[in-house]
Protein backbone atom coordinates (compact mmCIF):
# COMPACT_ATOMS: atom_id res chain seq x y z
CA MET A 1 97.55 134.98 192.69
CA LEU A 2 100.32 134.55 195.26
CA PRO A 3 99.83 135.90 198.81
CA TYR A 4 101.24 139.39 199.34
CA ARG A 5 104.27 138.27 201.39
CA GLU A 6 105.16 135.44 199.03
CA ARG A 7 104.71 137.73 196.03
CA ASN A 8 107.14 140.26 197.51
CA GLU A 9 109.67 137.53 198.25
CA THR A 10 109.43 136.30 194.65
CA ARG A 11 109.95 139.82 193.31
CA ALA A 12 112.93 140.33 195.59
CA LYS A 13 114.50 137.10 194.31
CA PHE A 14 113.95 138.06 190.68
CA SER A 15 115.33 141.53 191.36
CA GLY A 16 118.45 139.92 192.81
CA VAL A 17 118.77 137.60 189.83
CA ILE A 18 118.56 140.53 187.40
CA PHE A 19 121.04 142.64 189.37
CA ILE A 20 123.65 139.88 189.73
CA SER A 21 123.20 138.73 186.13
CA THR A 22 123.74 142.29 184.90
CA ILE A 23 126.93 142.66 186.92
CA LEU A 24 128.25 139.35 185.60
CA MET A 25 127.40 140.27 181.99
CA GLY A 26 129.14 143.62 182.43
CA ILE A 27 132.27 142.04 183.91
CA ALA A 28 132.33 139.44 181.13
CA SER A 29 131.93 142.17 178.50
CA ALA A 30 134.72 144.20 180.08
CA GLY A 31 136.99 141.14 180.14
CA ILE A 32 136.37 140.35 176.48
CA LEU A 33 136.96 143.96 175.43
CA TYR A 34 140.15 144.15 177.50
CA LEU A 35 141.48 141.05 175.78
CA VAL A 36 140.60 142.49 172.37
CA ASP A 37 142.11 145.91 173.15
CA GLU A 38 142.99 147.21 176.59
CA ASN A 39 142.18 150.72 175.34
CA SER A 40 138.52 149.80 174.66
CA PHE A 41 137.32 151.75 177.69
CA LEU A 42 138.86 154.96 176.35
CA TYR A 43 137.54 154.74 172.80
CA TYR A 44 135.03 157.49 173.56
CA GLY A 45 136.89 160.78 173.68
CA ASP A 46 134.19 161.99 176.05
CA ALA A 47 135.05 159.12 178.43
CA ALA A 48 138.58 160.49 178.78
CA SER A 49 137.20 163.99 179.26
CA HIS A 50 134.70 162.87 181.91
CA LEU A 51 137.45 161.12 183.87
CA TYR A 52 139.60 164.24 183.56
CA SER A 53 136.70 166.37 184.82
CA SER A 54 136.21 164.02 187.78
CA ARG A 55 139.82 163.83 188.86
CA LYS A 56 140.55 167.54 188.58
CA PHE A 57 138.33 168.20 191.62
CA VAL A 58 141.35 166.95 193.59
CA ASP A 59 144.30 166.69 191.17
CA SER A 60 144.52 170.35 190.20
CA GLU A 61 146.31 173.61 190.97
CA ARG A 62 142.94 174.89 192.19
CA PRO A 63 141.15 171.87 193.66
CA GLY A 64 137.59 172.05 194.87
CA LEU A 65 134.18 172.99 193.54
CA ILE A 66 135.68 175.66 191.28
CA GLN A 67 136.52 172.74 188.98
CA THR A 68 132.81 172.08 188.44
CA GLY A 69 133.06 174.18 185.28
CA THR A 70 130.20 174.80 182.91
CA VAL A 71 128.53 173.05 179.94
CA TRP A 72 128.92 169.50 181.29
CA LEU A 73 126.59 168.82 184.20
CA PRO A 74 128.45 167.93 187.41
CA LEU A 75 126.79 164.93 189.07
CA PRO A 76 128.36 162.11 186.99
CA HIS A 77 131.81 163.62 187.56
CA LEU A 78 131.26 163.73 191.31
CA MET A 79 130.03 160.14 191.26
CA MET A 80 133.15 159.01 189.39
CA LEU A 81 135.55 161.04 191.56
CA PRO A 82 136.59 158.27 194.02
CA VAL A 83 137.51 155.75 191.30
CA SER A 84 139.15 158.40 189.10
CA LEU A 85 141.70 158.96 191.88
CA VAL A 86 142.97 155.39 191.50
CA ASP A 87 145.76 155.82 188.95
CA SER A 88 145.43 152.43 187.27
CA LEU A 89 141.65 152.79 186.88
CA PHE A 90 141.99 156.38 185.67
CA SER A 91 144.67 155.78 183.05
CA SER A 92 143.03 152.62 181.67
CA GLY A 93 139.48 153.95 181.66
CA LEU A 94 138.39 151.06 183.89
CA ALA A 95 137.09 153.65 186.33
CA GLY A 96 134.05 153.67 184.05
CA LEU A 97 133.01 150.35 185.60
CA ILE A 98 131.47 152.46 188.36
CA ASN A 99 128.53 152.77 185.96
CA LEU A 100 127.86 149.01 185.90
CA PRO A 101 125.92 148.83 189.20
CA LEU A 102 123.87 151.79 187.99
CA HIS A 103 122.92 149.86 184.86
CA ALA A 104 122.05 146.85 187.02
CA LEU A 105 119.78 148.96 189.24
CA THR A 106 118.07 150.40 186.15
CA SER A 107 117.40 146.87 184.90
CA VAL A 108 115.78 146.00 188.24
CA LEU A 109 113.59 149.11 188.05
CA ILE A 110 112.51 148.16 184.52
CA TYR A 111 111.47 144.78 185.92
CA LYS A 112 109.49 146.44 188.72
CA ILE A 113 107.75 148.88 186.39
CA ILE A 114 106.69 146.03 184.10
CA ILE A 115 105.38 144.08 187.12
CA SER A 116 103.16 147.06 187.98
CA CYS A 117 102.05 147.31 184.36
CA THR A 118 101.36 143.65 183.56
CA LYS A 119 101.24 141.83 186.94
CA LYS A 120 103.15 139.01 185.21
CA GLN A 121 106.48 137.86 186.60
CA TRP A 122 107.67 136.15 183.42
CA ILE A 123 107.05 139.23 181.28
CA ALA A 124 108.76 141.49 183.81
CA LEU A 125 111.74 139.15 184.11
CA ALA A 126 112.09 139.03 180.32
CA GLY A 127 111.89 142.82 180.11
CA GLY A 128 114.45 143.39 182.86
CA MET A 129 116.88 140.93 181.29
CA LEU A 130 116.39 142.39 177.81
CA TYR A 131 117.38 145.78 179.14
CA ALA A 132 120.26 144.35 181.17
CA SER A 133 121.75 142.35 178.28
CA ASN A 134 121.50 145.02 175.58
CA PRO A 135 125.08 145.22 174.22
CA ASN A 136 124.83 148.95 173.54
CA LEU A 137 123.78 149.68 177.10
CA LEU A 138 126.37 147.27 178.48
CA TYR A 139 129.18 149.11 176.67
CA LEU A 140 127.98 152.44 178.05
CA SER A 141 127.81 150.87 181.53
CA ILE A 142 131.51 149.94 181.55
CA THR A 143 132.85 153.21 180.18
CA ALA A 144 133.07 156.62 181.83
CA MET A 145 130.05 158.08 180.04
CA THR A 146 127.06 159.85 181.60
CA GLU A 147 124.21 157.83 180.06
CA ALA A 148 124.12 155.18 182.81
CA PRO A 149 123.51 157.58 185.73
CA PHE A 150 121.01 159.56 183.69
CA LEU A 151 119.05 156.45 182.70
CA LEU A 152 119.03 155.23 186.31
CA PHE A 153 117.60 158.46 187.68
CA PHE A 154 115.19 158.83 184.77
CA VAL A 155 113.80 155.30 185.17
CA ALA A 156 113.68 155.73 188.96
CA SER A 157 111.50 158.81 188.47
CA VAL A 158 109.24 156.76 186.17
CA TYR A 159 108.98 154.02 188.79
CA PHE A 160 107.76 156.38 191.50
CA LEU A 161 105.61 158.37 189.08
CA GLN A 162 103.71 155.26 187.99
CA LYS A 163 103.20 154.27 191.64
CA TRP A 164 101.88 157.74 192.36
CA LEU A 165 99.50 157.83 189.39
CA ALA A 166 98.25 154.28 189.99
CA GLN A 167 97.00 155.09 193.48
CA ASP A 168 93.52 156.43 194.16
CA THR A 169 94.90 158.59 196.94
CA VAL A 170 97.93 160.83 196.91
CA SER A 171 101.20 159.49 198.33
CA PHE A 172 103.49 162.38 199.23
CA ARG A 173 106.35 159.88 199.39
CA ASN A 174 105.96 158.81 195.76
CA VAL A 175 105.55 162.41 194.61
CA PHE A 176 108.73 163.37 196.45
CA PHE A 177 110.86 160.52 195.11
CA ALA A 178 109.62 161.01 191.54
CA SER A 179 110.63 164.68 191.84
CA PHE A 180 113.89 163.92 193.63
CA PHE A 181 115.09 161.56 190.91
CA VAL A 182 114.21 164.10 188.23
CA PHE A 183 116.33 166.57 190.21
CA LEU A 184 119.26 164.12 190.05
CA ALA A 185 118.67 163.39 186.36
CA THR A 186 118.76 167.11 185.52
CA LEU A 187 122.30 167.21 186.92
CA CYS A 188 123.38 164.40 184.56
CA LYS A 189 121.98 165.22 181.09
CA TYR A 190 120.16 168.20 179.64
CA GLU A 191 117.65 165.76 178.12
CA ALA A 192 116.21 165.50 181.65
CA TRP A 193 115.35 169.19 181.84
CA ILE A 194 112.12 168.67 179.97
CA LEU A 195 110.99 166.20 182.66
CA ALA A 196 110.73 168.82 185.41
CA PRO A 197 107.98 171.04 183.88
CA VAL A 198 106.01 168.00 182.73
CA LEU A 199 106.20 166.45 186.19
CA VAL A 200 104.89 169.66 187.73
CA MET A 201 102.04 169.74 185.18
CA LEU A 202 101.17 166.15 186.12
CA ALA A 203 101.24 167.17 189.78
CA VAL A 204 98.81 169.99 189.08
CA THR A 205 96.50 167.79 186.99
CA PHE A 206 96.44 164.69 189.18
CA GLY A 207 96.83 166.57 192.46
CA ILE A 208 93.66 168.53 191.83
CA LYS A 209 91.90 165.44 190.43
CA LYS A 210 92.69 163.17 193.38
CA CYS A 211 92.35 165.64 196.23
CA LYS A 212 90.31 168.80 196.29
CA ASP A 213 91.81 170.19 199.50
CA LYS A 214 95.15 171.65 200.58
CA ARG A 215 96.88 168.34 199.83
CA ALA A 216 96.80 169.30 196.15
CA VAL A 217 98.89 172.37 196.98
CA ILE A 218 101.36 170.21 198.92
CA VAL A 219 101.67 167.83 195.95
CA ILE A 220 102.45 170.73 193.62
CA LEU A 221 104.99 172.20 196.04
CA ILE A 222 106.73 168.84 196.44
CA SER A 223 106.90 168.42 192.67
CA LEU A 224 108.88 171.66 192.44
CA VAL A 225 111.84 169.72 193.90
CA SER A 226 112.31 168.51 190.33
CA PHE A 227 113.48 172.01 189.36
CA ALA A 228 116.20 172.12 192.03
CA GLY A 229 118.94 170.83 189.71
CA ILE A 230 118.09 173.31 186.98
CA ALA A 231 117.97 176.15 189.51
CA PHE A 232 121.31 175.10 190.98
CA TRP A 233 123.00 174.95 187.57
CA ALA A 234 121.67 178.35 186.47
CA GLY A 235 122.70 179.79 189.85
CA TRP A 236 126.17 178.25 189.65
CA ASN A 237 126.72 179.70 186.19
CA GLN A 238 125.48 183.10 187.34
CA VAL A 239 127.71 183.21 190.42
CA THR A 240 130.80 181.76 188.72
CA TYR A 241 130.56 183.21 185.21
CA GLY A 242 128.10 186.10 185.55
CA ASN A 243 125.62 184.51 183.16
CA PRO A 244 122.96 181.94 184.19
CA LEU A 245 123.01 180.57 180.62
CA GLU A 246 126.78 180.39 180.26
CA PHE A 247 126.53 176.61 179.76
CA ALA A 248 124.47 177.20 176.62
CA ASN A 249 126.65 179.96 175.15
CA THR A 250 130.25 179.07 176.03
CA GLN A 251 132.50 179.51 173.02
CA PHE A 252 134.19 176.30 171.84
CA TYR A 253 132.39 174.02 174.32
CA ALA A 254 128.62 174.61 174.21
CA ALA A 255 126.61 172.22 172.02
CA SER A 256 125.50 175.06 169.77
CA SER A 257 129.11 176.16 169.21
CA GLN A 258 130.33 172.65 168.44
CA ALA A 259 127.40 171.87 166.14
CA VAL A 260 128.30 174.80 163.89
CA GLU A 261 131.89 173.55 163.55
CA ARG A 262 131.01 169.95 162.65
CA PRO A 263 129.56 168.65 159.37
CA TYR A 264 126.38 166.98 160.68
CA ARG A 265 124.23 170.04 161.32
CA ASP A 266 123.37 170.88 157.70
CA PHE A 267 121.88 167.43 157.11
CA LEU A 268 119.57 167.75 160.13
CA TYR A 269 118.75 171.43 160.53
CA LEU A 270 115.01 172.02 159.87
CA GLN A 271 114.79 168.72 157.98
CA PRO A 272 112.44 166.45 159.96
CA GLN A 273 112.70 163.53 157.54
CA ASN A 274 116.48 163.40 157.98
CA VAL A 275 116.19 163.75 161.76
CA LEU A 276 113.71 160.86 161.95
CA TYR A 277 115.80 158.74 159.59
CA ILE A 278 119.03 159.18 161.56
CA TYR A 279 117.43 158.71 164.97
CA GLY A 280 115.20 155.87 163.77
CA THR A 281 118.11 153.97 162.26
CA ALA A 282 120.05 154.22 165.51
CA ALA A 283 116.98 153.10 167.49
CA VAL A 284 116.55 150.04 165.25
CA MET A 285 120.20 149.08 165.71
CA ILE A 286 120.03 149.55 169.49
CA SER A 287 116.67 147.94 170.28
CA GLY A 288 116.23 145.71 167.24
CA PRO A 289 113.35 145.65 164.74
CA ILE A 290 111.49 142.83 166.52
CA LEU A 291 111.42 144.62 169.87
CA LEU A 292 110.50 147.92 168.22
CA GLY A 293 107.69 146.18 166.35
CA PHE A 294 106.31 144.72 169.57
CA SER A 295 106.55 148.10 171.28
CA GLY A 296 104.49 149.64 168.47
CA TRP A 297 101.90 146.92 168.87
CA GLY A 298 101.95 147.45 172.65
CA TYR A 299 101.21 151.14 172.26
CA TYR A 300 98.44 150.45 169.75
CA SER A 301 96.86 147.89 172.13
CA HIS A 302 97.03 150.39 174.97
CA PHE A 303 95.56 153.14 172.80
CA LYS A 304 92.60 150.94 171.79
CA GLN A 305 91.70 150.06 175.38
CA LYS A 306 88.51 151.75 176.50
CA ILE A 307 89.48 151.40 180.14
CA LYS A 308 93.18 152.07 180.51
CA THR A 309 94.99 149.63 182.79
CA TYR A 310 97.98 151.95 182.78
CA SER A 311 98.17 155.73 182.60
CA SER A 312 98.99 157.09 179.14
CA SER A 313 100.82 159.90 180.93
CA ILE A 314 103.58 157.44 181.86
CA PHE A 315 104.28 156.56 178.24
CA PHE A 316 104.29 160.22 177.24
CA TYR A 317 106.63 161.03 180.13
CA MET A 318 109.00 158.24 179.12
CA SER A 319 109.17 159.53 175.56
CA LEU A 320 110.32 163.01 176.62
CA PRO A 321 114.14 162.55 176.53
CA ALA A 322 113.88 161.09 173.02
CA LEU A 323 111.56 163.92 171.91
CA PHE A 324 114.01 166.43 173.40
CA THR A 325 116.84 164.88 171.39
CA LEU A 326 114.79 164.98 168.19
CA ALA A 327 113.92 168.63 168.81
CA THR A 328 117.56 169.64 169.37
CA MET A 329 118.59 167.85 166.18
CA PHE A 330 115.85 169.66 164.26
CA ILE A 331 116.90 173.12 165.49
CA GLY A 332 120.59 172.48 164.77
CA ILE A 333 121.97 171.95 168.29
CA GLY A 334 121.85 168.17 168.67
CA GLU A 335 124.10 166.03 166.48
CA MET A 336 123.85 162.48 165.17
CA SER A 337 124.96 160.91 161.91
CA GLN A 338 124.52 157.83 159.74
CA TRP A 339 128.03 156.77 160.80
CA TRP A 340 126.70 156.28 164.37
CA PHE A 341 128.11 159.53 165.74
CA ASN A 342 126.20 160.09 169.00
CA ALA A 343 124.03 157.02 168.31
CA ARG A 344 124.00 156.51 172.09
CA PHE A 345 121.31 159.20 172.34
CA ALA A 346 118.84 156.66 170.97
CA THR A 347 119.34 154.56 174.13
CA PHE A 348 117.05 157.05 175.90
CA LEU A 349 114.17 155.41 174.04
CA THR A 350 115.02 151.87 175.20
CA PRO A 351 113.14 151.85 178.54
CA LEU A 352 109.93 152.92 176.80
CA VAL A 353 110.41 150.39 173.99
CA ILE A 354 110.82 147.51 176.45
CA ILE A 355 107.87 148.49 178.63
CA LEU A 356 105.56 148.93 175.61
CA ALA A 357 106.74 145.56 174.27
CA SER A 358 105.75 144.01 177.61
CA VAL A 359 102.22 145.33 177.07
CA ALA A 360 102.16 143.54 173.72
CA LEU A 361 103.39 140.29 175.34
CA LEU A 362 100.55 140.54 177.84
CA LYS A 363 98.11 140.47 174.93
CA LEU A 364 99.66 137.20 173.77
CA GLU A 365 99.17 135.48 177.10
CA LYS A 366 96.28 133.36 175.83
CA ILE A 367 98.31 132.03 172.91
CA LYS A 368 100.16 128.75 173.28
CA LYS A 369 103.12 128.99 175.60
CA LYS A 370 105.45 127.56 172.97
CA ILE A 371 104.69 130.48 170.66
CA ILE A 372 105.25 133.01 173.44
CA PHE A 373 108.50 131.28 174.39
CA GLY A 374 109.59 131.40 170.76
CA ILE A 375 108.88 135.14 170.56
CA ILE A 376 110.83 135.91 173.71
CA ALA A 377 113.66 133.63 172.61
CA SER A 378 113.82 135.46 169.27
CA LEU A 379 114.18 138.78 171.09
CA PHE A 380 117.13 137.48 173.10
CA VAL A 381 118.69 135.69 170.12
CA PHE A 382 118.63 138.90 168.07
CA GLN A 383 120.13 140.83 170.96
CA ILE A 384 122.88 138.27 171.54
CA ALA A 385 123.60 138.13 167.81
CA SER A 386 123.51 141.92 167.36
CA PRO A 387 127.31 142.33 167.82
CA ALA A 388 127.64 140.52 164.49
CA PHE A 389 125.73 143.41 162.87
CA GLY A 390 127.42 146.06 164.99
CA VAL A 391 127.05 147.47 168.49
CA VAL A 392 126.54 151.07 167.50
CA THR A 393 127.67 152.64 170.79
CA TYR A 394 130.92 150.69 170.44
CA LEU A 395 131.22 151.55 166.74
CA ASP A 396 130.68 155.23 167.51
CA ALA A 397 133.38 155.11 170.18
CA TYR A 398 135.80 153.14 168.01
CA GLY A 399 135.23 155.53 165.12
CA GLY A 400 136.42 158.36 167.36
CA TRP A 401 139.40 156.31 168.55
CA ILE A 402 140.79 155.75 165.06
CA TYR A 403 139.84 159.14 163.63
CA LYS A 404 142.52 161.57 162.58
CA GLN A 405 144.51 162.75 165.63
CA ALA A 406 143.27 160.16 168.15
CA PRO A 407 145.75 157.33 167.38
CA TYR A 408 148.62 159.82 167.37
CA ALA A 409 147.41 161.29 170.66
CA LYS A 410 147.78 157.81 172.17
CA GLU A 411 151.29 157.49 170.70
CA THR A 412 152.20 160.86 172.20
CA SER A 413 150.75 159.79 175.54
CA ASP A 414 152.80 156.58 175.39
CA PHE A 415 155.97 158.59 174.72
CA LEU A 416 155.32 160.72 177.81
CA PHE A 417 154.56 157.63 179.88
CA GLU A 418 157.94 156.16 178.97
CA ASN A 419 160.03 159.35 179.15
CA TYR A 420 158.38 161.78 181.55
CA ASP A 421 160.80 162.53 184.39
CA GLY A 422 158.97 165.27 186.24
CA GLY A 423 158.30 168.94 185.69
CA LYS A 424 155.35 170.85 184.32
CA ILE A 425 153.96 170.14 180.85
CA LEU A 426 152.46 172.93 178.75
CA ILE A 427 149.99 171.24 176.43
CA MET A 428 148.68 173.18 173.44
CA THR A 429 146.44 170.82 171.53
CA GLY A 430 142.96 171.89 172.52
CA SER A 431 141.03 170.39 175.42
CA TYR A 432 139.57 167.36 173.66
CA GLN A 433 142.91 166.16 172.28
CA ALA A 434 144.70 167.09 175.50
CA HIS A 435 142.47 164.86 177.62
CA ARG A 436 143.34 161.84 175.48
CA ILE A 437 147.05 162.58 175.99
CA MET A 438 146.84 163.44 179.68
CA ILE A 439 144.89 160.43 180.84
CA SER A 440 147.46 157.77 179.93
CA SER A 441 150.63 159.85 180.19
CA GLY A 442 151.56 158.79 183.70
CA ALA A 443 151.73 162.41 184.84
CA ASN A 444 149.30 163.86 187.35
CA LEU A 445 146.81 166.41 186.06
CA ILE A 446 148.36 169.01 188.35
CA ASP A 447 151.55 168.68 186.28
CA PHE A 448 149.82 169.97 183.14
CA ASN A 449 149.38 173.61 182.16
CA GLU A 450 146.76 174.01 179.45
CA GLY A 451 147.45 176.34 176.56
CA ILE A 452 143.86 177.14 175.70
CA GLU A 453 142.09 180.40 175.00
CA SER A 454 141.05 181.11 178.59
CA PHE A 455 144.62 180.77 179.93
CA LEU A 456 146.66 182.71 177.37
CA TYR A 457 147.24 185.50 179.89
CA GLU A 458 149.09 183.13 182.26
CA GLN A 459 152.84 183.50 182.71
CA TYR A 460 153.32 179.79 182.08
CA PHE A 461 152.11 180.46 178.55
CA LYS A 462 153.88 183.77 177.97
CA GLU A 463 157.25 182.56 179.29
CA PRO A 464 156.98 178.77 179.22
CA TRP A 465 160.72 178.15 179.79
CA ASN A 466 160.39 179.59 183.29
CA HIS A 467 157.51 177.30 184.21
CA ASN A 468 157.44 174.21 181.98
CA LYS A 469 159.98 171.46 181.43
CA TRP A 470 157.92 169.99 178.60
CA ILE A 471 155.70 171.34 175.83
CA VAL A 472 153.23 169.35 173.74
CA ILE A 473 152.07 171.13 170.58
CA GLY A 474 149.23 169.99 168.34
CA LYS A 475 149.74 170.57 164.63
CA GLU A 476 145.96 170.67 164.08
CA PRO A 477 144.67 171.85 167.45
CA ASP A 478 141.07 172.10 168.58
CA SER A 479 139.52 175.53 168.19
CA ASP A 480 140.24 176.53 171.81
CA SER A 481 144.01 176.24 171.21
CA VAL A 482 144.30 177.65 167.70
CA ASN A 483 145.52 181.05 168.91
CA ALA A 484 147.96 179.50 171.37
CA VAL A 485 149.58 177.31 168.73
CA LYS A 486 149.63 180.15 166.20
CA PHE A 487 151.39 182.44 168.67
CA TRP A 488 154.23 180.02 169.32
CA SER A 489 154.41 178.94 165.69
CA ASP A 490 155.02 182.58 164.84
CA ASN A 491 157.64 182.75 167.60
CA LYS A 492 159.26 179.37 167.03
CA ASP A 493 162.74 180.81 167.13
CA THR A 494 162.22 181.87 170.74
CA LEU A 495 161.08 178.40 171.72
CA ASP A 496 164.03 176.82 169.93
CA LYS A 497 166.43 178.77 172.13
CA HIS A 498 165.04 177.05 175.22
CA TYR A 499 163.68 173.68 174.04
CA ASP A 500 164.77 170.65 172.03
CA LEU A 501 162.38 168.61 169.90
CA VAL A 502 162.41 165.15 171.48
CA TYR A 503 159.42 163.53 169.76
CA HIS A 504 157.08 164.18 166.86
CA ASN A 505 154.51 162.41 164.75
CA GLN A 506 151.99 163.46 162.13
CA TYR A 507 149.93 165.56 164.55
CA TYR A 508 152.07 166.35 167.63
CA GLN A 509 155.45 167.65 168.72
CA VAL A 510 156.98 167.18 172.16
CA LEU A 511 159.65 169.65 173.30
CA LYS A 512 161.90 169.37 176.36
CA LEU A 513 163.75 172.13 178.17
CA LYS A 514 167.45 172.26 177.30
């Protein structure tokens, strides 16, 4: 075994290799996608909406924290805020590249966790690079989605949790950082909310087990930091909307409301076999059957050990976001489909799959090195070749990009980009469609007035000719603009007195003040 100092230097070098390699792979992926289609970074409708939510903290009639909103958790939007203010990065979606360093850091943490688990550099390096080079994760790391920050904070909490549980004595530092990163994760994705109570239960169990004095109480109190994000979000919703659970009940936008409107719920609701089939298929496409097979063997090997070299609590903890997703699908809130809709949710299982697979590789250490090399090579070959079978996060995003209104939203956005000459724009398409139009229109967000349900009392909606030079109307609007469009469809004659139709396609009309 290498001396302590030399061992740390080696780990630092490998960490640097993984980080730099991940950045280079992400940049190369972004370059290839840009050459294929410069709109690749906006395929996800949610990516456009996340960038909109980030920029409106500044570019808005009412800038500031009031733009935090509800439903979507705020931390990823705040993290993306600086790059979303750069017009070229915002309109192209390239602002999503802010997620790439986060993915690189997560890959390094995977490497470090596997080092603690196996004590083998080559296994840890393979695991870190497998995570870093996963095409599904790479696509998410170069788009403005929230999976990359969530996975970073989630894996960081695992890293400090395993350090804490591996020690014979209690380290307040490790307890704090494990709790702190759960706090950050809970402000990124609701899948992290299940981590907080489990972390506190682990603090109670292991705190009492490792120290019988007042230090156990301190450990438990420190672990409560993990609830800070949940408490903040409930408090924000209470203060701002008068309901601490507004994020769960908001009409049109809450997951439960959207699930009822879409066609996927009936196939999943209270049907565990369908839930497991859909999620399992996505997991196979994201991680690959070989890696999943090794992870199963790794868990079996760990389970059969009489003396555990690694706490089973870690593996249970790492499975929680995936279990949360499965539970929400089962009760009719979470959505996935066989056409890869929301397949990205299966990426939450990837850190656990890779770490369990590393346990299996450790069991093969005594086999000939050529066989081990062949196994690892096969894992990388499958991953490199997987785009030939389909990168499901990309396919999911592309499916949304070409679906129904989306291509026409881009055409409408292009028309505004070429013809917009100032003035306010009343947009009545529904939020989701509106964000696709706004982001590439060339107009600032402050120039848009939204004709959605919550703003129908505004004068800019009641008398648009006094406030708006332009109007964009969706022919099949999202549910939050149905009443707005219906009102002005019923009063079209009034609009025609003030506006000329200057552009239209299958789904949108653009009017300009006479």
